[in-house]
Amino acid sequence: METNFRTWTLLSGVVLACCTSVISAEIYPRIASEEVGRKEGVLAKQFTLTNSSGIEAKVLTLGATLASVKVPDCNGNLGYVTLFREDPADYLSKRGVLGTVIGRFANRIAGAKFTLDGKQYQLAANSQGNHIHGGRTGFHTQVWEVAEVEQRDNSVGVRLGLTSPDGHEGYPGTLQVQVLYRLTEQNEIWMDYTATTDKPTHVNLTNHAYWNLKGHGDVLNHQLHLNADRYLPSDKTKVPLGNLADVTGTAMDFREPKTIGSRIEQVKDQNYDHCYVLNKNGDSGLTLAARVEEPSSGRVMEVFTTQPGVQLYTARGMKFSRDSLEFGSHPALCLETQHFPNAPNEPEFPSTVLRPGETFRQTTMHRFSTRD
């Protein structure tokens, strides 16, 4: 797929510090903001992006979180398709990664350590002796700054920024990170990540949204297509073994659309939690990663990314409730576009090293539609 990346600029007169109400209340797309409380004295805000189709995406500065997403079904009825906390203030007091940006390194690093340029770095060991999702105070726990608001004829967006100091959770280098969330009139949600550093370090950013296109129940009847011929086998702690395995003839094979529950009993713990190697064919641009369809609502979500992999996670046993709705044993699926887990310790994996003078750039886009 060919994509033209455009430069988005802040409209004259729109200043983020003053963005405390609807910027354009009478036209679409539009964006509004509200204060939701303070964490450790830092003010957190929530932005609501809406387009003319009624698609709504709410973004919190805490954890740079894509919280709730609302899209129409095949009958035009709007409904939520992510798991989220109804009161945004709850994000300030409760732990979790619902829709957050994960960093400085998404997924796992074996033994919570790596060696870079001959020096070993010890990270926080917060998952069975391994390092996961940037540590206990990773990016998902931080209140990000509002860098700018973007409003154009065809899209609205908010850019959030964070400074991760040298030594935070054991990582070298002061990292300057930004993520731009953008909602378009084409029913697309874009996530553009950038980062720079003053010392060599490792960076692997993703979004951890939990999707349920029906809006309740479980996701076992969701039909999934993954553009991946291979996946990364892992040990009992979910750290990759280092080899790339063919999906052919296994329960990992989603090259043709299949329901998530069709072979889940063949998977350890009856739960997908695996990184897939996307069919990039040397293409570093935006390519299809996944397509999900929910038959009863007719909702379809396509995921495109510049990243080399996607982690499929089906959240078995996650307890979730909202309103009077019931959610099943697999209440959601995550499609975390990312570089490979444990890449700092696997030289054959695509590199996650970022050096001074370089810019980390990755993009993921979710497109929503309905079946005919």
Foldseek 3Di string as FASTA:
>chain_A
DDDDDDDFDFDPPFDVVPQAAKPDPPAPQTKHKHWQDDAPRHTKMKMWTAGPLGWIWIAILQLRFRAWTWHAFPVSDIATWFFHDPRVNVLRPDDDQARGKFDQAAAKAPQQWFADPRRIWHFAQDFPNIDHRCDPCTSNRDRWAWPHWTDDPFKTKTKTWDWDDACRRGWGWTKIKMWIWMQGNLQKTKIKIKMATAAKTFGKIWTWIFTHPVNFAFQQQKWKAFQFQWWFDDDPRQAGPQDIGGCPPHLVHRNDIDGNNPCLVRPVVSKFFTKGFHPCVPPQDWDWGMWIADPVRQKIKTKIKSAGIWTKTQQAQDDGDDDPGHYDRRRGITTIRIFHHNQSPHVVGPGRIHGHPDMDIMMMMMHMDGDD
